[in-house]
């Protein structure tokens, strides 16, 4: 169980990092997440959470696949 959680966390961070890197390198707006200050009275956040959603979905399938392999041994 602990290995599945660790694998899931590593997968989530790696996939998120790769998708965000691709977004920044090729200027794909729906793969970019920016945090910036817009006014002196506050902060504004802009960007897409789609890379994180994709990473969560892919991580779920990776975890399920890993769990099935562990149970079949």
Protein backbone atom coordinates (compact mmCIF):
# COMPACT_ATOMS: atom_id res chain seq x y z
CA UNK A 1 0.00 0.00 0.00
CA UNK A 2 2.79 2.44 0.88
CA UNK A 3 4.57 1.70 -2.39
CA UNK A 4 1.37 2.49 -4.29
CA UNK A 5 1.04 5.85 -2.54
CA UNK A 6 4.69 6.73 -3.15
CA UNK A 7 4.40 5.69 -6.79
CA UNK A 8 1.26 7.82 -7.12
CA UNK A 9 2.90 10.91 -5.63
CA UNK A 10 5.99 10.56 -7.78
CA UNK A 11 3.83 10.02 -10.86
CA UNK A 12 1.67 13.07 -10.08
CA UNK A 13 4.63 15.41 -9.62
CA UNK A 14 6.50 14.06 -12.64
CA UNK A 15 3.51 14.25 -15.00
CA UNK A 16 2.55 17.72 -13.73
CA UNK A 17 6.12 18.93 -14.19
CA UNK A 18 6.34 17.51 -17.70
CA UNK A 19 3.02 19.01 -18.81
CA UNK A 20 3.86 22.43 -17.34
CA UNK A 21 7.31 22.32 -18.95
CA UNK A 22 5.80 21.52 -22.33
CA UNK A 23 3.35 24.39 -21.86
CA UNK A 24 6.09 26.89 -21.09
CA UNK A 25 8.44 25.67 -23.81
CA UNK A 26 5.86 25.76 -26.61
CA UNK A 27 3.68 28.57 -25.14
CA UNK A 28 0.54 26.42 -24.90
CA UNK A 29 -1.81 28.53 -22.79
CA UNK A 30 -3.90 25.65 -21.44
CA UNK A 31 -0.74 23.99 -20.10
CA UNK A 32 0.67 27.09 -18.35
CA UNK A 33 0.08 28.11 -14.74
CA UNK A 34 1.27 31.58 -13.74
CA UNK A 35 1.22 33.47 -10.46
CA UNK A 36 1.72 37.21 -10.71
CA UNK A 37 0.95 40.48 -8.96
CA UNK A 38 -1.49 42.70 -10.79
CA UNK A 39 -2.21 45.60 -8.39
CA UNK A 40 -0.64 47.01 -5.22
CA UNK A 41 -3.72 45.97 -3.22
CA UNK A 42 -3.71 42.31 -4.16
CA UNK A 43 -2.42 39.40 -6.12
CA UNK A 44 -3.84 37.75 -9.16
CA UNK A 45 -3.45 34.18 -10.28
CA UNK A 46 -3.92 33.13 -13.85
CA UNK A 47 -3.50 30.01 -15.82
CA UNK A 48 -4.81 26.56 -16.30
CA UNK A 49 -5.28 23.69 -13.87
CA UNK A 50 -5.69 21.24 -16.75
CA UNK A 51 -2.14 19.80 -16.32
CA UNK A 52 -2.96 18.95 -12.71
CA UNK A 53 -6.28 17.34 -13.66
CA UNK A 54 -4.56 15.27 -16.36
CA UNK A 55 -1.87 14.26 -13.86
CA UNK A 56 -4.49 13.14 -11.32
CA UNK A 57 -6.29 11.01 -13.92
CA UNK A 58 -3.08 9.41 -15.23
CA UNK A 59 -1.85 8.81 -11.68
CA UNK A 60 -5.10 7.03 -10.85
CA UNK A 61 -4.63 4.63 -13.76
CA UNK A 62 -0.97 4.07 -12.91
CA UNK A 63 -1.91 3.26 -9.30
CA UNK A 64 -4.67 0.87 -10.37
CA UNK A 65 -2.33 -0.90 -12.80
CA UNK A 66 0.39 -1.19 -10.15
CA UNK A 67 -2.10 -2.51 -7.58
CA UNK A 68 -3.39 -5.17 -10.01
CA UNK A 69 0.17 -6.30 -10.75
CA UNK A 70 0.91 -6.58 -7.03
CA UNK A 71 -2.28 -8.59 -6.40
CA UNK A 72 -1.62 -10.99 -9.29
CA UNK A 73 1.78 -12.06 -7.90
